[in-house]
N, C-alpha and C. Protein backbone atom coordinates (compact mmCIF):
# COMPACT_ATOMS: atom_id res chain seq x y z
N MET A 1 78.65 14.09 -107.39
CA MET A 1 79.73 13.45 -106.66
C MET A 1 79.16 12.53 -105.60
N GLY A 2 79.78 11.40 -105.46
CA GLY A 2 79.39 10.45 -104.42
C GLY A 2 80.14 10.73 -103.14
N LEU A 3 79.99 9.85 -102.23
CA LEU A 3 80.66 9.94 -100.94
C LEU A 3 82.17 9.94 -101.15
N PHE A 4 82.87 10.81 -100.45
CA PHE A 4 84.33 10.93 -100.50
C PHE A 4 84.84 11.28 -101.90
N GLY A 5 84.07 12.04 -102.64
CA GLY A 5 84.52 12.55 -103.93
C GLY A 5 84.42 11.58 -105.09
N ARG A 6 83.94 10.38 -104.87
CA ARG A 6 83.80 9.42 -105.96
C ARG A 6 82.59 9.80 -106.80
N LYS A 7 82.81 9.95 -108.08
CA LYS A 7 81.73 10.36 -108.97
C LYS A 7 80.77 9.19 -109.21
N LYS A 8 79.49 9.47 -109.04
CA LYS A 8 78.45 8.46 -109.23
C LYS A 8 78.26 8.20 -110.72
N ILE A 9 78.16 6.95 -111.09
CA ILE A 9 77.93 6.54 -112.47
C ILE A 9 76.43 6.48 -112.71
N TYR A 10 75.98 7.05 -113.82
CA TYR A 10 74.56 6.96 -114.18
C TYR A 10 74.44 6.44 -115.61
N ILE A 11 73.41 5.64 -115.83
CA ILE A 11 73.12 5.13 -117.17
C ILE A 11 72.10 6.06 -117.81
N LYS A 12 72.42 6.50 -119.00
CA LYS A 12 71.49 7.36 -119.75
C LYS A 12 70.57 6.48 -120.60
N ARG A 13 69.41 7.01 -120.90
CA ARG A 13 68.42 6.26 -121.68
C ARG A 13 69.00 5.77 -123.01
N GLU A 14 69.84 6.56 -123.64
CA GLU A 14 70.41 6.14 -124.92
C GLU A 14 71.39 4.98 -124.76
N ASP A 15 71.86 4.74 -123.54
CA ASP A 15 72.76 3.62 -123.27
C ASP A 15 72.02 2.34 -122.89
N PHE A 16 70.72 2.42 -122.72
CA PHE A 16 69.94 1.25 -122.30
C PHE A 16 70.17 0.02 -123.18
N PRO A 17 70.13 0.15 -124.53
CA PRO A 17 70.29 -1.06 -125.35
C PRO A 17 71.60 -1.81 -125.09
N VAL A 18 72.69 -1.09 -124.94
CA VAL A 18 73.98 -1.74 -124.70
C VAL A 18 74.00 -2.41 -123.33
N VAL A 19 73.53 -1.69 -122.32
CA VAL A 19 73.50 -2.24 -120.96
C VAL A 19 72.58 -3.45 -120.90
N ILE A 20 71.42 -3.35 -121.52
CA ILE A 20 70.47 -4.46 -121.53
C ILE A 20 71.06 -5.68 -122.22
N ASN A 21 71.70 -5.49 -123.36
CA ASN A 21 72.35 -6.62 -124.05
C ASN A 21 73.41 -7.27 -123.18
N ASN A 22 74.22 -6.45 -122.53
CA ASN A 22 75.28 -6.99 -121.67
C ASN A 22 74.71 -7.77 -120.49
N ILE A 23 73.69 -7.21 -119.86
CA ILE A 23 73.07 -7.90 -118.72
C ILE A 23 72.43 -9.20 -119.18
N ALA A 24 71.64 -9.15 -120.24
CA ALA A 24 70.93 -10.34 -120.71
C ALA A 24 71.90 -11.46 -121.09
N ARG A 25 72.98 -11.11 -121.76
CA ARG A 25 73.98 -12.11 -122.15
C ARG A 25 74.62 -12.75 -120.92
N SER A 26 74.97 -11.92 -119.95
CA SER A 26 75.58 -12.45 -118.71
C SER A 26 74.60 -13.33 -117.95
N LEU A 27 73.36 -12.90 -117.84
CA LEU A 27 72.37 -13.67 -117.08
C LEU A 27 72.08 -15.02 -117.74
N GLU A 28 72.08 -15.05 -119.07
CA GLU A 28 71.86 -16.32 -119.76
C GLU A 28 72.98 -17.30 -119.44
N ALA A 29 74.21 -16.84 -119.49
CA ALA A 29 75.35 -17.71 -119.17
C ALA A 29 75.28 -18.17 -117.71
N LEU A 30 74.88 -17.29 -116.82
CA LEU A 30 74.80 -17.65 -115.40
C LEU A 30 73.70 -18.68 -115.14
N ARG A 31 72.61 -18.63 -115.87
CA ARG A 31 71.56 -19.65 -115.73
C ARG A 31 72.13 -21.03 -116.06
N GLU A 32 72.86 -21.09 -117.15
CA GLU A 32 73.45 -22.36 -117.58
C GLU A 32 74.49 -22.84 -116.57
N GLU A 33 75.31 -21.93 -116.06
CA GLU A 33 76.32 -22.30 -115.07
C GLU A 33 75.68 -22.82 -113.79
N TYR A 34 74.59 -22.20 -113.37
CA TYR A 34 73.89 -22.61 -112.15
C TYR A 34 73.41 -24.06 -112.26
N ILE A 35 72.74 -24.38 -113.34
CA ILE A 35 72.22 -25.74 -113.52
C ILE A 35 73.37 -26.74 -113.68
N PHE A 36 74.32 -26.42 -114.54
CA PHE A 36 75.44 -27.33 -114.75
C PHE A 36 76.23 -27.54 -113.46
N GLY A 37 76.52 -26.46 -112.76
CA GLY A 37 77.28 -26.56 -111.51
C GLY A 37 76.54 -27.35 -110.44
N SER A 38 75.26 -27.11 -110.31
CA SER A 38 74.46 -27.82 -109.30
C SER A 38 74.40 -29.32 -109.60
N LEU A 39 74.15 -29.66 -110.86
CA LEU A 39 74.07 -31.08 -111.22
C LEU A 39 75.44 -31.75 -111.12
N SER A 40 76.50 -31.04 -111.47
CA SER A 40 77.85 -31.60 -111.36
C SER A 40 78.20 -31.89 -109.91
N GLN A 41 77.84 -30.98 -109.02
CA GLN A 41 78.12 -31.19 -107.59
C GLN A 41 77.32 -32.39 -107.07
N LEU A 42 76.08 -32.49 -107.46
CA LEU A 42 75.27 -33.65 -107.03
C LEU A 42 75.88 -34.95 -107.54
N LYS A 43 76.37 -34.94 -108.77
CA LYS A 43 77.01 -36.14 -109.33
C LYS A 43 78.26 -36.51 -108.53
N ARG A 44 79.07 -35.50 -108.17
CA ARG A 44 80.27 -35.76 -107.36
C ARG A 44 79.91 -36.37 -106.01
N GLU A 45 78.72 -36.03 -105.51
CA GLU A 45 78.27 -36.57 -104.22
C GLU A 45 77.59 -37.92 -104.36
N GLY A 46 77.58 -38.47 -105.57
CA GLY A 46 77.04 -39.81 -105.78
C GLY A 46 75.57 -39.88 -106.14
N VAL A 47 74.95 -38.74 -106.41
CA VAL A 47 73.54 -38.72 -106.78
C VAL A 47 73.43 -38.97 -108.29
N ASP A 48 72.52 -39.84 -108.68
CA ASP A 48 72.31 -40.13 -110.10
C ASP A 48 71.57 -38.97 -110.76
N VAL A 49 72.25 -38.29 -111.65
CA VAL A 49 71.65 -37.16 -112.38
C VAL A 49 71.61 -37.44 -113.88
N SER A 50 71.79 -38.70 -114.24
CA SER A 50 71.90 -39.06 -115.66
C SER A 50 70.62 -38.78 -116.46
N ASN A 51 69.48 -38.77 -115.80
CA ASN A 51 68.22 -38.53 -116.51
C ASN A 51 67.80 -37.07 -116.52
N ILE A 52 68.66 -36.18 -116.03
CA ILE A 52 68.32 -34.76 -115.96
C ILE A 52 69.16 -34.00 -116.98
N SER A 53 68.51 -33.26 -117.83
CA SER A 53 69.21 -32.49 -118.86
C SER A 53 69.95 -31.32 -118.23
N ARG A 54 71.17 -31.10 -118.71
CA ARG A 54 71.94 -29.95 -118.26
C ARG A 54 71.63 -28.71 -119.10
N ASP A 55 70.85 -28.92 -120.15
CA ASP A 55 70.45 -27.83 -121.03
C ASP A 55 69.16 -27.20 -120.52
N ILE A 56 69.07 -25.90 -120.70
CA ILE A 56 67.85 -25.18 -120.34
C ILE A 56 67.11 -24.88 -121.64
N SER A 57 65.97 -25.50 -121.81
CA SER A 57 65.19 -25.30 -123.04
C SER A 57 64.57 -23.92 -123.04
N PRO A 58 64.68 -23.20 -124.18
CA PRO A 58 64.04 -21.88 -124.27
C PRO A 58 62.54 -21.99 -124.03
N GLY A 59 62.03 -21.09 -123.21
CA GLY A 59 60.61 -21.06 -122.91
C GLY A 59 60.15 -22.08 -121.89
N SER A 60 61.09 -22.84 -121.34
CA SER A 60 60.73 -23.87 -120.36
C SER A 60 60.41 -23.25 -119.00
N GLN A 61 59.75 -24.04 -118.18
CA GLN A 61 59.44 -23.61 -116.82
C GLN A 61 60.74 -23.30 -116.06
N LEU A 62 61.77 -24.12 -116.27
CA LEU A 62 63.06 -23.91 -115.61
C LEU A 62 63.65 -22.57 -116.01
N GLU A 63 63.67 -22.28 -117.30
CA GLU A 63 64.22 -21.02 -117.77
C GLU A 63 63.44 -19.84 -117.19
N ASP A 64 62.12 -19.94 -117.19
CA ASP A 64 61.30 -18.84 -116.68
C ASP A 64 61.51 -18.61 -115.18
N ALA A 65 61.64 -19.69 -114.41
CA ALA A 65 61.90 -19.54 -112.98
C ALA A 65 63.24 -18.84 -112.75
N LEU A 66 64.26 -19.25 -113.49
CA LEU A 66 65.58 -18.63 -113.33
C LEU A 66 65.58 -17.18 -113.79
N LYS A 67 64.89 -16.87 -114.88
CA LYS A 67 64.80 -15.48 -115.34
C LYS A 67 64.12 -14.61 -114.28
N GLY A 68 63.01 -15.08 -113.75
CA GLY A 68 62.30 -14.33 -112.72
C GLY A 68 63.17 -14.08 -111.50
N PHE A 69 63.91 -15.10 -111.11
CA PHE A 69 64.83 -15.00 -109.97
C PHE A 69 65.93 -13.97 -110.25
N GLN A 70 66.53 -14.07 -111.43
CA GLN A 70 67.61 -13.15 -111.78
C GLN A 70 67.12 -11.70 -111.84
N LEU A 71 65.99 -11.48 -112.44
CA LEU A 71 65.46 -10.12 -112.52
C LEU A 71 65.18 -9.57 -111.12
N THR A 72 64.70 -10.41 -110.24
CA THR A 72 64.45 -9.97 -108.86
C THR A 72 65.74 -9.61 -108.15
N SER A 73 66.79 -10.41 -108.38
CA SER A 73 68.03 -10.21 -107.63
C SER A 73 68.90 -9.08 -108.15
N MET A 74 68.60 -8.55 -109.34
CA MET A 74 69.49 -7.51 -109.87
C MET A 74 68.82 -6.18 -110.20
N MET A 75 67.50 -6.13 -110.26
CA MET A 75 66.85 -4.91 -110.74
C MET A 75 67.11 -3.71 -109.83
N GLY A 76 67.10 -3.91 -108.53
CA GLY A 76 67.36 -2.80 -107.61
C GLY A 76 68.72 -2.16 -107.84
N ILE A 77 69.69 -2.98 -108.23
CA ILE A 77 71.03 -2.45 -108.50
C ILE A 77 70.98 -1.51 -109.70
N THR A 78 70.34 -1.93 -110.77
CA THR A 78 70.31 -1.07 -111.95
C THR A 78 69.60 0.24 -111.65
N TRP A 79 68.58 0.17 -110.82
CA TRP A 79 67.84 1.39 -110.49
C TRP A 79 68.73 2.41 -109.79
N ASP A 80 69.75 1.95 -109.06
CA ASP A 80 70.68 2.89 -108.42
C ASP A 80 71.49 3.68 -109.43
N TYR A 81 71.56 3.20 -110.66
CA TYR A 81 72.37 3.84 -111.69
C TYR A 81 71.53 4.61 -112.70
N ILE A 82 70.25 4.73 -112.44
CA ILE A 82 69.33 5.45 -113.33
C ILE A 82 68.67 6.54 -112.51
N ARG A 83 68.69 7.76 -113.02
CA ARG A 83 68.23 8.92 -112.24
C ARG A 83 66.71 9.00 -112.08
N SER A 84 65.97 9.02 -113.17
CA SER A 84 64.54 9.32 -113.07
C SER A 84 63.71 8.05 -112.93
N ILE A 85 62.59 8.17 -112.23
CA ILE A 85 61.70 7.03 -112.04
C ILE A 85 61.13 6.55 -113.37
N GLU A 86 60.87 7.47 -114.30
CA GLU A 86 60.37 7.07 -115.61
C GLU A 86 61.39 6.21 -116.34
N ASP A 87 62.66 6.60 -116.25
CA ASP A 87 63.71 5.82 -116.89
C ASP A 87 63.90 4.47 -116.20
N LYS A 88 63.75 4.44 -114.89
CA LYS A 88 63.86 3.17 -114.16
C LYS A 88 62.80 2.19 -114.64
N LEU A 89 61.58 2.67 -114.75
CA LEU A 89 60.49 1.81 -115.21
C LEU A 89 60.69 1.40 -116.67
N ALA A 90 61.15 2.34 -117.49
CA ALA A 90 61.40 2.04 -118.90
C ALA A 90 62.50 0.98 -119.04
N PHE A 91 63.55 1.11 -118.23
CA PHE A 91 64.64 0.13 -118.26
C PHE A 91 64.13 -1.25 -117.84
N ASP A 92 63.39 -1.27 -116.76
CA ASP A 92 62.83 -2.53 -116.24
C ASP A 92 61.99 -3.22 -117.32
N LEU A 93 61.10 -2.48 -117.94
CA LEU A 93 60.24 -3.07 -118.98
C LEU A 93 61.04 -3.50 -120.21
N ALA A 94 62.04 -2.71 -120.59
CA ALA A 94 62.86 -3.05 -121.76
C ALA A 94 63.70 -4.30 -121.51
N LEU A 95 64.30 -4.40 -120.32
CA LEU A 95 65.08 -5.59 -120.00
C LEU A 95 64.17 -6.82 -119.91
N SER A 96 63.03 -6.66 -119.28
CA SER A 96 62.08 -7.77 -119.18
C SER A 96 61.63 -8.24 -120.56
N LYS A 97 61.35 -7.29 -121.45
CA LYS A 97 60.94 -7.64 -122.81
C LYS A 97 62.08 -8.35 -123.55
N HIS A 98 63.28 -7.82 -123.42
CA HIS A 98 64.45 -8.41 -124.07
C HIS A 98 64.66 -9.87 -123.63
N MET A 99 64.34 -10.14 -122.37
CA MET A 99 64.52 -11.49 -121.82
C MET A 99 63.25 -12.35 -121.95
N ASN A 100 62.26 -11.86 -122.68
CA ASN A 100 60.97 -12.56 -122.81
C ASN A 100 60.36 -12.85 -121.45
N ALA A 101 60.38 -11.84 -120.60
CA ALA A 101 59.85 -11.97 -119.24
C ALA A 101 58.89 -10.81 -118.94
N GLU A 102 58.10 -10.44 -119.95
CA GLU A 102 57.18 -9.31 -119.79
C GLU A 102 56.02 -9.67 -118.86
N LYS A 103 55.26 -8.62 -118.52
CA LYS A 103 54.05 -8.83 -117.72
C LYS A 103 53.18 -9.86 -118.41
N GLU A 104 52.45 -10.60 -117.60
CA GLU A 104 51.55 -11.66 -118.07
C GLU A 104 52.28 -12.91 -118.54
N SER A 105 53.61 -12.94 -118.44
CA SER A 105 54.35 -14.15 -118.82
C SER A 105 54.62 -14.98 -117.56
N ARG A 106 54.96 -16.23 -117.78
CA ARG A 106 55.29 -17.11 -116.64
C ARG A 106 56.54 -16.60 -115.92
N ALA A 107 57.53 -16.10 -116.67
CA ALA A 107 58.74 -15.56 -116.03
C ALA A 107 58.39 -14.37 -115.14
N TRP A 108 57.47 -13.52 -115.60
CA TRP A 108 57.03 -12.37 -114.78
C TRP A 108 56.34 -12.87 -113.51
N ASP A 109 55.53 -13.92 -113.63
CA ASP A 109 54.86 -14.49 -112.46
C ASP A 109 55.87 -15.01 -111.45
N TYR A 110 56.92 -15.66 -111.95
CA TYR A 110 57.98 -16.11 -111.04
C TYR A 110 58.65 -14.92 -110.36
N ARG A 111 58.89 -13.89 -111.14
CA ARG A 111 59.50 -12.69 -110.57
C ARG A 111 58.65 -12.15 -109.42
N GLU A 112 57.35 -12.07 -109.63
CA GLU A 112 56.45 -11.60 -108.57
C GLU A 112 56.51 -12.52 -107.35
N ARG A 113 56.63 -13.80 -107.60
CA ARG A 113 56.75 -14.78 -106.51
C ARG A 113 58.01 -14.51 -105.68
N TYR A 114 59.10 -14.21 -106.37
CA TYR A 114 60.36 -13.96 -105.66
C TYR A 114 60.35 -12.60 -104.97
N ILE A 115 59.70 -11.63 -105.56
CA ILE A 115 59.56 -10.31 -104.92
C ILE A 115 58.82 -10.46 -103.60
N ASP A 116 57.87 -11.39 -103.55
CA ASP A 116 57.12 -11.63 -102.31
C ASP A 116 58.02 -12.08 -101.16
N CYS A 117 59.24 -12.52 -101.45
CA CYS A 117 60.19 -12.90 -100.39
C CYS A 117 60.73 -11.67 -99.66
N GLN A 118 60.47 -10.49 -100.19
CA GLN A 118 60.80 -9.20 -99.58
C GLN A 118 62.27 -9.07 -99.17
N GLY A 119 63.16 -9.55 -100.01
CA GLY A 119 64.59 -9.38 -99.76
C GLY A 119 65.18 -10.38 -98.79
N ASP A 120 64.40 -11.29 -98.26
CA ASP A 120 64.89 -12.33 -97.35
C ASP A 120 65.65 -13.36 -98.19
N MET A 121 66.98 -13.32 -98.11
CA MET A 121 67.82 -14.17 -98.96
C MET A 121 67.54 -15.65 -98.74
N ASP A 122 67.32 -16.05 -97.50
CA ASP A 122 67.03 -17.46 -97.23
C ASP A 122 65.72 -17.88 -97.89
N ALA A 123 64.70 -17.06 -97.74
CA ALA A 123 63.40 -17.38 -98.35
C ALA A 123 63.52 -17.39 -99.88
N LEU A 124 64.27 -16.44 -100.42
CA LEU A 124 64.46 -16.36 -101.86
C LEU A 124 65.17 -17.61 -102.39
N ALA A 125 66.26 -18.01 -101.72
CA ALA A 125 67.02 -19.19 -102.14
C ALA A 125 66.19 -20.46 -102.01
N LYS A 126 65.44 -20.59 -100.93
CA LYS A 126 64.59 -21.78 -100.73
C LYS A 126 63.49 -21.84 -101.79
N THR A 127 62.90 -20.70 -102.10
CA THR A 127 61.83 -20.66 -103.08
C THR A 127 62.36 -21.05 -104.46
N LEU A 128 63.52 -20.50 -104.85
CA LEU A 128 64.10 -20.88 -106.14
C LEU A 128 64.43 -22.37 -106.14
N SER A 129 65.03 -22.85 -105.07
CA SER A 129 65.41 -24.25 -104.97
C SER A 129 64.21 -25.16 -105.24
N PHE A 130 63.10 -24.86 -104.61
CA PHE A 130 61.89 -25.66 -104.80
C PHE A 130 61.38 -25.55 -106.24
N ASP A 131 61.39 -24.34 -106.79
CA ASP A 131 60.90 -24.14 -108.16
C ASP A 131 61.77 -24.88 -109.19
N VAL A 132 63.09 -24.85 -109.00
CA VAL A 132 63.99 -25.56 -109.91
C VAL A 132 63.77 -27.06 -109.78
N TYR A 133 63.70 -27.53 -108.55
CA TYR A 133 63.48 -28.95 -108.29
C TYR A 133 62.20 -29.43 -108.98
N LYS A 134 61.15 -28.67 -108.83
CA LYS A 134 59.86 -29.02 -109.43
C LYS A 134 59.95 -28.99 -110.97
N SER A 135 60.66 -28.01 -111.50
CA SER A 135 60.70 -27.84 -112.96
C SER A 135 61.56 -28.89 -113.66
N ILE A 136 62.45 -29.56 -112.92
CA ILE A 136 63.25 -30.63 -113.54
C ILE A 136 62.64 -32.00 -113.30
N GLY A 137 61.45 -32.05 -112.72
CA GLY A 137 60.73 -33.30 -112.59
C GLY A 137 60.73 -33.93 -111.21
N SER A 138 61.10 -33.18 -110.20
CA SER A 138 61.07 -33.66 -108.80
C SER A 138 61.81 -34.98 -108.61
N PRO A 139 63.11 -35.03 -108.96
CA PRO A 139 63.85 -36.29 -108.85
C PRO A 139 64.12 -36.69 -107.39
N ILE A 140 64.54 -37.93 -107.22
CA ILE A 140 64.90 -38.48 -105.92
C ILE A 140 66.43 -38.52 -105.88
N PRO A 141 67.10 -38.28 -104.79
CA PRO A 141 66.64 -37.96 -103.44
C PRO A 141 66.32 -36.47 -103.30
N ARG A 142 65.14 -36.19 -102.88
CA ARG A 142 64.59 -34.83 -102.80
C ARG A 142 65.48 -33.88 -102.02
N ASP A 143 65.86 -34.25 -100.80
CA ASP A 143 66.60 -33.33 -99.93
C ASP A 143 67.94 -32.92 -100.53
N GLU A 144 68.66 -33.86 -101.14
CA GLU A 144 69.96 -33.54 -101.73
C GLU A 144 69.81 -32.51 -102.85
N PHE A 145 68.79 -32.69 -103.67
CA PHE A 145 68.57 -31.74 -104.75
C PHE A 145 68.21 -30.35 -104.20
N LEU A 146 67.30 -30.32 -103.25
CA LEU A 146 66.88 -29.03 -102.69
C LEU A 146 68.04 -28.30 -102.02
N ILE A 147 68.86 -29.03 -101.27
CA ILE A 147 70.01 -28.42 -100.59
C ILE A 147 70.99 -27.86 -101.61
N GLN A 148 71.29 -28.63 -102.65
CA GLN A 148 72.24 -28.17 -103.67
C GLN A 148 71.71 -26.97 -104.43
N PHE A 149 70.45 -27.01 -104.84
CA PHE A 149 69.89 -25.87 -105.58
C PHE A 149 69.82 -24.63 -104.70
N GLN A 150 69.57 -24.81 -103.42
CA GLN A 150 69.52 -23.65 -102.51
C GLN A 150 70.91 -23.05 -102.34
N GLY A 151 71.92 -23.88 -102.12
CA GLY A 151 73.28 -23.37 -102.01
C GLY A 151 73.72 -22.65 -103.27
N GLY A 152 73.38 -23.23 -104.41
CA GLY A 152 73.71 -22.59 -105.68
C GLY A 152 72.99 -21.27 -105.88
N ALA A 153 71.80 -21.15 -105.29
CA ALA A 153 71.02 -19.90 -105.43
C ALA A 153 71.75 -18.72 -104.81
N TYR A 154 72.41 -18.95 -103.67
CA TYR A 154 73.17 -17.86 -103.04
C TYR A 154 74.30 -17.40 -103.95
N VAL A 155 74.98 -18.35 -104.56
CA VAL A 155 76.06 -18.01 -105.50
C VAL A 155 75.48 -17.29 -106.71
N LEU A 156 74.35 -17.77 -107.21
CA LEU A 156 73.72 -17.15 -108.38
C LEU A 156 73.33 -15.70 -108.09
N ILE A 157 72.82 -15.44 -106.91
CA ILE A 157 72.48 -14.05 -106.54
C ILE A 157 73.72 -13.17 -106.65
N GLY A 158 74.81 -13.61 -106.04
CA GLY A 158 76.04 -12.82 -106.07
C GLY A 158 76.58 -12.62 -107.47
N LEU A 159 76.57 -13.67 -108.27
CA LEU A 159 77.08 -13.55 -109.64
C LEU A 159 76.20 -12.65 -110.50
N CYS A 160 74.88 -12.73 -110.30
CA CYS A 160 73.96 -11.84 -111.04
C CYS A 160 74.22 -10.39 -110.66
N GLN A 161 74.44 -10.15 -109.38
CA GLN A 161 74.71 -8.79 -108.93
C GLN A 161 76.04 -8.29 -109.47
N ALA A 162 77.07 -9.14 -109.46
CA ALA A 162 78.37 -8.74 -109.99
C ALA A 162 78.26 -8.43 -111.49
N ALA A 163 77.54 -9.26 -112.23
CA ALA A 163 77.36 -9.02 -113.66
C ALA A 163 76.60 -7.72 -113.91
N THR A 164 75.66 -7.41 -113.04
CA THR A 164 74.89 -6.18 -113.19
C THR A 164 75.76 -4.96 -112.92
N TYR A 165 76.56 -5.02 -111.88
CA TYR A 165 77.48 -3.91 -111.62
C TYR A 165 78.42 -3.70 -112.80
N SER A 166 78.92 -4.79 -113.35
CA SER A 166 79.81 -4.69 -114.51
C SER A 166 79.10 -4.03 -115.69
N ALA A 167 77.89 -4.47 -115.99
CA ALA A 167 77.13 -3.90 -117.12
C ALA A 167 76.81 -2.43 -116.89
N CYS A 168 76.68 -2.03 -115.63
CA CYS A 168 76.39 -0.63 -115.30
C CYS A 168 77.66 0.22 -115.25
N GLY A 169 78.81 -0.41 -115.48
CA GLY A 169 80.07 0.32 -115.52
C GLY A 169 80.74 0.53 -114.18
N ASP A 170 80.31 -0.19 -113.15
CA ASP A 170 80.88 -0.02 -111.81
C ASP A 170 81.76 -1.23 -111.47
N SER A 171 82.97 -1.23 -112.01
CA SER A 171 83.88 -2.35 -111.81
C SER A 171 84.33 -2.46 -110.35
N LYS A 172 84.34 -1.35 -109.63
CA LYS A 172 84.73 -1.39 -108.22
C LYS A 172 83.73 -2.23 -107.41
N MET A 173 82.45 -2.01 -107.62
CA MET A 173 81.43 -2.78 -106.90
C MET A 173 81.41 -4.24 -107.38
N GLU A 174 81.66 -4.45 -108.66
CA GLU A 174 81.74 -5.82 -109.17
C GLU A 174 82.85 -6.58 -108.45
N ARG A 175 84.03 -5.97 -108.34
CA ARG A 175 85.15 -6.62 -107.64
C ARG A 175 84.83 -6.85 -106.17
N LYS A 176 84.14 -5.89 -105.57
CA LYS A 176 83.79 -6.02 -104.15
C LYS A 176 82.86 -7.22 -103.94
N ILE A 177 81.84 -7.35 -104.78
CA ILE A 177 80.91 -8.49 -104.68
C ILE A 177 81.66 -9.80 -104.89
N ARG A 178 82.46 -9.86 -105.93
CA ARG A 178 83.21 -11.10 -106.21
C ARG A 178 84.18 -11.43 -105.08
N GLY A 179 84.80 -10.40 -104.51
CA GLY A 179 85.71 -10.61 -103.38
C GLY A 179 84.98 -11.14 -102.16
N THR A 180 83.81 -10.60 -101.91
CA THR A 180 82.99 -11.06 -100.78
C THR A 180 82.59 -12.51 -100.98
N MET A 181 82.29 -12.89 -102.21
CA MET A 181 81.85 -14.25 -102.49
C MET A 181 82.95 -15.28 -102.25
N ARG A 182 84.20 -14.88 -102.36
CA ARG A 182 85.30 -15.82 -102.13
C ARG A 182 85.37 -16.28 -100.69
N PHE A 183 84.84 -15.47 -99.79
CA PHE A 183 84.96 -15.77 -98.37
C PHE A 183 83.68 -16.32 -97.76
N THR A 184 82.69 -16.61 -98.60
CA THR A 184 81.43 -17.15 -98.05
C THR A 184 81.32 -18.63 -98.31
């Protein structure tokens, strides 16, 4: 039982494949939304984005940076829904493998880079912003791109967390995160 009689939800090892599929599918869609939304906003502000692809190529530096960022921003949440440390590590490795972000991969290296931000949301958003900017070819005007990608990073963190709560079966926390995001 949780606080005030609310029963705590736990993910069992046999449920990992379903949860992993749900998380991976949601995170893929959110990567695409982040890039499309950021570039659309820049275009509305008069920035020429015609030479920048809105598609994320599989295996690209951009995709790997976003995967590393997403894994960093949501893994702690999933661990709250898994009881044993062995299962937490198994889940982490299975999700990373499913997303082609295993150890020794570029996506894993990005993840380590974001973990180095030690939970500092500003540092995390700035680091992602710079990595995305660099991976799309460092277009001009630099500041406008960095500001937009950083602002989008805060939204991406929230959406990744909401998707993770949903995949873990905690719709109450998902609604809470989404509700909080409406007022920021």
